[in-house]
N, C-alpha and C. Protein backbone atom coordinates (compact mmCIF):
# COMPACT_ATOMS: atom_id res chain seq x y z
N MET A 1 0.85 -1.17 0.00
CA MET A 1 0.00 0.00 0.00
C MET A 1 0.90 1.24 0.00
N ASN A 2 0.67 2.12 -0.92
CA ASN A 2 1.46 3.35 -1.02
C ASN A 2 0.66 4.49 -0.40
N MET A 3 1.20 5.04 0.67
CA MET A 3 0.52 6.16 1.32
C MET A 3 1.39 7.39 1.14
N SER A 4 0.77 8.47 0.72
CA SER A 4 1.52 9.72 0.60
C SER A 4 0.84 10.77 1.47
N PHE A 5 1.65 11.64 1.99
CA PHE A 5 1.15 12.70 2.85
C PHE A 5 1.64 14.03 2.31
N SER A 6 0.78 15.02 2.38
CA SER A 6 1.22 16.36 2.01
C SER A 6 2.02 16.93 3.18
N SER A 7 2.83 17.92 2.92
CA SER A 7 3.65 18.50 3.98
C SER A 7 2.81 19.15 5.06
N THR A 8 1.57 19.53 4.76
CA THR A 8 0.73 20.16 5.77
C THR A 8 0.13 19.13 6.73
N GLU A 9 0.18 17.83 6.36
CA GLU A 9 -0.36 16.80 7.23
C GLU A 9 0.66 16.31 8.25
N ILE A 10 1.91 16.63 8.04
CA ILE A 10 2.96 16.17 8.93
C ILE A 10 3.43 17.34 9.78
N THR A 11 3.30 17.18 11.08
CA THR A 11 3.71 18.23 11.99
C THR A 11 5.13 17.95 12.49
N PRO A 12 6.03 18.91 12.33
CA PRO A 12 7.39 18.70 12.84
C PRO A 12 7.39 18.49 14.35
N LYS A 13 8.28 17.65 14.82
CA LYS A 13 8.42 17.39 16.25
C LYS A 13 8.81 18.69 16.97
N ILE A 14 8.29 18.84 18.17
CA ILE A 14 8.63 20.01 18.97
C ILE A 14 9.96 19.73 19.68
N PRO A 15 10.97 20.55 19.41
CA PRO A 15 12.26 20.31 20.07
C PRO A 15 12.14 20.50 21.58
N GLU A 16 12.92 19.72 22.32
CA GLU A 16 12.85 19.75 23.77
C GLU A 16 14.07 20.45 24.36
N LEU A 17 13.81 21.35 25.31
CA LEU A 17 14.88 21.98 26.07
C LEU A 17 15.17 21.11 27.28
N ARG A 18 16.44 20.81 27.50
CA ARG A 18 16.80 19.95 28.62
C ARG A 18 17.64 20.66 29.68
N THR A 19 18.25 21.78 29.31
CA THR A 19 19.13 22.45 30.27
C THR A 19 18.80 23.94 30.36
N SER A 20 19.18 24.52 31.47
CA SER A 20 18.98 25.96 31.67
C SER A 20 19.78 26.76 30.64
N SER A 21 20.97 26.29 30.30
CA SER A 21 21.78 27.02 29.33
C SER A 21 21.15 27.00 27.93
N GLU A 22 20.46 25.92 27.58
CA GLU A 22 19.74 25.90 26.30
C GLU A 22 18.65 26.97 26.30
N PHE A 23 17.94 27.10 27.42
CA PHE A 23 16.91 28.13 27.53
C PHE A 23 17.54 29.52 27.48
N ASP A 24 18.60 29.74 28.26
CA ASP A 24 19.25 31.05 28.31
C ASP A 24 19.71 31.51 26.93
N ALA A 25 20.14 30.58 26.09
CA ALA A 25 20.60 30.92 24.74
C ALA A 25 19.48 31.47 23.87
N LEU A 26 18.23 31.21 24.24
CA LEU A 26 17.08 31.68 23.46
C LEU A 26 16.63 33.10 23.83
N LEU A 27 17.16 33.63 24.91
CA LEU A 27 16.66 34.91 25.43
C LEU A 27 16.98 36.11 24.55
N THR A 28 17.82 35.96 23.56
CA THR A 28 18.10 37.06 22.64
C THR A 28 17.24 36.99 21.38
N GLU A 29 16.48 35.92 21.24
CA GLU A 29 15.65 35.72 20.05
C GLU A 29 14.47 36.71 20.04
N GLU A 30 14.03 37.07 18.86
CA GLU A 30 12.89 37.97 18.71
C GLU A 30 11.63 37.37 19.34
N LEU A 31 11.37 36.09 19.05
CA LEU A 31 10.14 35.44 19.52
C LEU A 31 10.42 33.97 19.81
N VAL A 32 10.04 33.54 21.02
CA VAL A 32 10.19 32.14 21.42
C VAL A 32 8.97 31.77 22.25
N VAL A 33 8.43 30.58 21.99
CA VAL A 33 7.34 30.04 22.79
C VAL A 33 7.87 28.81 23.52
N ILE A 34 7.66 28.77 24.84
CA ILE A 34 8.05 27.64 25.66
C ILE A 34 6.78 26.95 26.15
N TYR A 35 6.73 25.64 25.95
CA TYR A 35 5.60 24.84 26.42
C TYR A 35 6.10 23.89 27.49
N LYS A 36 5.56 24.02 28.70
CA LYS A 36 5.91 23.12 29.81
C LYS A 36 4.88 22.00 29.85
N HIS A 37 5.39 20.78 29.80
CA HIS A 37 4.54 19.59 29.68
C HIS A 37 4.87 18.58 30.78
N SER A 38 3.84 17.93 31.30
CA SER A 38 4.02 16.84 32.26
C SER A 38 3.41 15.57 31.69
N ASN A 39 4.22 14.54 31.54
CA ASN A 39 3.72 13.27 31.03
C ASN A 39 2.71 12.62 31.96
N ALA A 40 2.68 13.04 33.22
CA ALA A 40 1.79 12.44 34.22
C ALA A 40 0.46 13.17 34.35
N CYS A 41 0.21 14.14 33.49
CA CYS A 41 -0.97 15.00 33.64
C CYS A 41 -1.87 14.91 32.40
N ASP A 42 -3.12 14.53 32.62
CA ASP A 42 -4.07 14.44 31.50
C ASP A 42 -4.26 15.78 30.80
N ARG A 43 -4.31 16.86 31.58
CA ARG A 43 -4.47 18.19 30.97
C ARG A 43 -3.30 18.51 30.06
N SER A 44 -2.11 18.06 30.45
CA SER A 44 -0.94 18.31 29.60
C SER A 44 -1.07 17.65 28.24
N TRP A 45 -1.68 16.47 28.21
CA TRP A 45 -1.83 15.79 26.91
C TRP A 45 -2.83 16.53 26.03
N GLY A 46 -3.88 17.09 26.61
CA GLY A 46 -4.80 17.92 25.83
C GLY A 46 -4.11 19.17 25.33
N ALA A 47 -3.31 19.79 26.20
CA ALA A 47 -2.55 20.98 25.81
C ALA A 47 -1.52 20.63 24.74
N HIS A 48 -0.92 19.45 24.85
CA HIS A 48 0.06 19.01 23.85
C HIS A 48 -0.58 18.95 22.47
N ASP A 49 -1.81 18.46 22.40
CA ASP A 49 -2.53 18.43 21.11
C ASP A 49 -2.71 19.84 20.57
N GLU A 50 -3.06 20.78 21.44
CA GLU A 50 -3.23 22.18 21.03
C GLU A 50 -1.92 22.77 20.52
N ILE A 51 -0.84 22.51 21.24
CA ILE A 51 0.47 23.05 20.86
C ILE A 51 0.94 22.41 19.56
N THR A 52 0.64 21.14 19.37
CA THR A 52 0.98 20.46 18.12
C THR A 52 0.22 21.10 16.96
N ASP A 53 -1.04 21.44 17.18
CA ASP A 53 -1.82 22.14 16.15
C ASP A 53 -1.20 23.50 15.84
N PHE A 54 -0.80 24.23 16.88
CA PHE A 54 -0.15 25.52 16.68
C PHE A 54 1.13 25.34 15.87
N ARG A 55 1.91 24.35 16.22
CA ARG A 55 3.19 24.08 15.53
C ARG A 55 2.95 23.80 14.05
N ARG A 56 1.93 23.00 13.76
CA ARG A 56 1.61 22.67 12.37
C ARG A 56 1.22 23.93 11.58
N ASP A 57 0.44 24.80 12.20
CA ASP A 57 -0.06 25.99 11.52
C ASP A 57 0.94 27.15 11.50
N HIS A 58 1.94 27.11 12.38
CA HIS A 58 2.92 28.21 12.49
C HIS A 58 4.34 27.65 12.60
N PRO A 59 4.80 26.95 11.59
CA PRO A 59 6.14 26.34 11.67
C PRO A 59 7.27 27.36 11.78
N GLU A 60 6.98 28.61 11.46
CA GLU A 60 8.00 29.66 11.51
C GLU A 60 8.30 30.14 12.94
N VAL A 61 7.42 29.84 13.88
CA VAL A 61 7.60 30.28 15.26
C VAL A 61 8.52 29.31 15.99
N ARG A 62 9.50 29.86 16.69
CA ARG A 62 10.41 29.02 17.49
C ARG A 62 9.65 28.56 18.72
N LEU A 63 9.41 27.27 18.78
CA LEU A 63 8.62 26.65 19.84
C LEU A 63 9.42 25.51 20.44
N TYR A 64 9.49 25.48 21.77
CA TYR A 64 10.24 24.44 22.47
C TYR A 64 9.41 23.89 23.61
N MET A 65 9.64 22.63 23.93
CA MET A 65 8.94 21.97 25.02
C MET A 65 9.93 21.68 26.15
N VAL A 66 9.45 21.79 27.37
CA VAL A 66 10.22 21.39 28.54
C VAL A 66 9.39 20.33 29.27
N SER A 67 9.95 19.15 29.41
CA SER A 67 9.30 18.10 30.19
C SER A 67 9.58 18.39 31.66
N VAL A 68 8.54 18.75 32.39
CA VAL A 68 8.75 19.20 33.77
C VAL A 68 9.19 18.06 34.68
N LEU A 69 8.90 16.83 34.33
CA LEU A 69 9.35 15.70 35.14
C LEU A 69 10.79 15.34 34.84
N ASP A 70 11.18 15.37 33.58
CA ASP A 70 12.54 15.00 33.17
C ASP A 70 13.54 16.13 33.35
N SER A 71 13.06 17.36 33.29
CA SER A 71 13.96 18.53 33.33
C SER A 71 13.48 19.54 34.36
N ARG A 72 13.24 19.07 35.55
CA ARG A 72 12.72 19.94 36.62
C ARG A 72 13.61 21.16 36.88
N PRO A 73 14.94 21.02 36.95
CA PRO A 73 15.77 22.21 37.17
C PRO A 73 15.60 23.26 36.06
N THR A 74 15.45 22.81 34.83
CA THR A 74 15.24 23.74 33.71
C THR A 74 13.90 24.45 33.86
N SER A 75 12.87 23.70 34.21
CA SER A 75 11.54 24.28 34.41
C SER A 75 11.58 25.32 35.53
N GLN A 76 12.27 25.00 36.62
CA GLN A 76 12.37 25.95 37.74
C GLN A 76 13.18 27.18 37.34
N HIS A 77 14.21 26.98 36.54
CA HIS A 77 15.02 28.11 36.06
C HIS A 77 14.17 29.05 35.20
N ILE A 78 13.35 28.49 34.33
CA ILE A 78 12.48 29.30 33.48
C ILE A 78 11.52 30.12 34.35
N ALA A 79 10.96 29.50 35.38
CA ALA A 79 10.06 30.21 36.30
C ALA A 79 10.81 31.36 36.98
N HIS A 80 12.02 31.11 37.41
CA HIS A 80 12.82 32.14 38.08
C HIS A 80 13.14 33.31 37.13
N VAL A 81 13.62 32.98 35.93
CA VAL A 81 14.01 34.01 34.97
C VAL A 81 12.79 34.81 34.50
N SER A 82 11.68 34.11 34.26
CA SER A 82 10.49 34.77 33.71
C SER A 82 9.68 35.52 34.75
N GLY A 83 9.77 35.07 36.01
CA GLY A 83 8.93 35.65 37.05
C GLY A 83 7.52 35.10 37.04
N VAL A 84 7.28 34.07 36.23
CA VAL A 84 5.95 33.44 36.13
C VAL A 84 6.00 32.13 36.90
N GLU A 85 5.16 32.03 37.93
CA GLU A 85 5.13 30.82 38.75
C GLU A 85 4.83 29.61 37.88
N HIS A 86 5.56 28.53 38.15
CA HIS A 86 5.39 27.31 37.36
C HIS A 86 4.03 26.67 37.59
N GLU A 87 3.42 26.28 36.48
CA GLU A 87 2.24 25.41 36.47
C GLU A 87 2.40 24.55 35.23
N SER A 88 1.72 23.43 35.20
CA SER A 88 1.73 22.66 33.96
C SER A 88 0.35 22.08 33.74
N PRO A 89 -0.03 22.05 32.49
CA PRO A 89 0.70 22.58 31.33
C PRO A 89 0.72 24.10 31.36
N GLN A 90 1.71 24.63 30.66
CA GLN A 90 1.88 26.09 30.64
C GLN A 90 2.61 26.49 29.37
N ILE A 91 2.22 27.64 28.82
CA ILE A 91 2.98 28.24 27.73
C ILE A 91 3.45 29.61 28.18
N LEU A 92 4.65 29.96 27.73
CA LEU A 92 5.21 31.29 27.98
C LEU A 92 5.71 31.81 26.64
N VAL A 93 5.33 33.03 26.32
CA VAL A 93 5.77 33.65 25.07
C VAL A 93 6.76 34.74 25.43
N PHE A 94 7.95 34.65 24.85
CA PHE A 94 9.03 35.60 25.09
C PHE A 94 9.32 36.40 23.84
N ARG A 95 9.54 37.68 24.00
CA ARG A 95 10.08 38.54 22.94
C ARG A 95 11.35 39.17 23.49
N LYS A 96 12.47 38.84 22.86
CA LYS A 96 13.78 39.34 23.28
C LYS A 96 14.00 39.18 24.79
N GLY A 97 13.66 37.98 25.29
CA GLY A 97 13.93 37.64 26.68
C GLY A 97 12.90 38.08 27.69
N LYS A 98 11.87 38.80 27.27
CA LYS A 98 10.84 39.28 28.19
C LYS A 98 9.53 38.52 27.92
N VAL A 99 8.88 38.11 29.00
CA VAL A 99 7.59 37.43 28.86
C VAL A 99 6.55 38.43 28.42
N VAL A 100 5.87 38.14 27.31
CA VAL A 100 4.81 39.03 26.82
C VAL A 100 3.43 38.40 27.03
N GLY A 101 3.40 37.15 27.47
CA GLY A 101 2.14 36.50 27.76
C GLY A 101 2.36 35.06 28.15
N PHE A 102 1.38 34.52 28.86
CA PHE A 102 1.46 33.11 29.26
C PHE A 102 0.05 32.60 29.54
N ALA A 103 -0.07 31.30 29.60
CA ALA A 103 -1.34 30.66 29.94
C ALA A 103 -1.03 29.32 30.58
N SER A 104 -1.94 28.87 31.44
CA SER A 104 -1.76 27.59 32.12
C SER A 104 -3.04 26.78 32.07
N HIS A 105 -2.88 25.51 32.33
CA HIS A 105 -3.98 24.55 32.40
C HIS A 105 -4.85 24.59 31.14
N ARG A 106 -6.14 24.78 31.28
CA ARG A 106 -7.05 24.75 30.12
C ARG A 106 -6.88 25.97 29.21
N GLY A 107 -6.14 26.96 29.68
CA GLY A 107 -5.88 28.14 28.87
C GLY A 107 -4.82 27.92 27.80
N VAL A 108 -4.18 26.76 27.82
CA VAL A 108 -3.14 26.45 26.83
C VAL A 108 -3.82 25.94 25.57
N THR A 109 -4.03 26.87 24.63
CA THR A 109 -4.66 26.52 23.36
C THR A 109 -3.88 27.15 22.21
N ALA A 110 -4.04 26.58 21.04
CA ALA A 110 -3.39 27.14 19.85
C ALA A 110 -3.85 28.58 19.63
N GLU A 111 -5.13 28.82 19.85
CA GLU A 111 -5.68 30.16 19.67
C GLU A 111 -5.07 31.15 20.66
N ARG A 112 -4.89 30.72 21.90
CA ARG A 112 -4.31 31.61 22.92
C ARG A 112 -2.87 31.98 22.57
N VAL A 113 -2.08 31.01 22.11
CA VAL A 113 -0.71 31.30 21.71
C VAL A 113 -0.70 32.33 20.58
N SER A 114 -1.56 32.12 19.58
CA SER A 114 -1.65 33.04 18.45
C SER A 114 -2.04 34.44 18.91
N THR A 115 -3.01 34.52 19.82
CA THR A 115 -3.46 35.82 20.33
C THR A 115 -2.35 36.54 21.06
N ILE A 116 -1.62 35.82 21.90
CA ILE A 116 -0.50 36.47 22.62
C ILE A 116 0.51 37.01 21.63
N ILE A 117 0.87 36.21 20.64
CA ILE A 117 1.86 36.64 19.65
C ILE A 117 1.36 37.84 18.87
N ASP A 118 0.11 37.79 18.43
CA ASP A 118 -0.45 38.88 17.63
C ASP A 118 -0.54 40.19 18.41
N ASN A 119 -0.73 40.10 19.73
CA ASN A 119 -0.92 41.30 20.55
C ASN A 119 0.34 41.78 21.25
N SER A 120 1.47 41.15 20.93
CA SER A 120 2.71 41.55 21.63
C SER A 120 3.67 42.25 20.70
């Protein structure tokens, strides 16, 4: 069976940040979205679907995931640097190292990420 997929049907994998220094290197970028995910949380899996949809529709946006269970020190570092208390799931949108918006729990949607970006 020959199956073909168009490029719009395949969503690129979301790169994962594992260290604080990887995060710090992004702070000079014009626009970066950080998604904090917990494999142990049902809400995180729903948010992951939303973030995957956002990634598919906006491949030009630098988007990274932090697994809060596997990379707890990195997640805590991001909370410290951003001034945004950690929750998961959570998205943080940075412009040149400054948080311009964030959302947690059920607020983590593709539409919310787009709105934050459009309004910042």
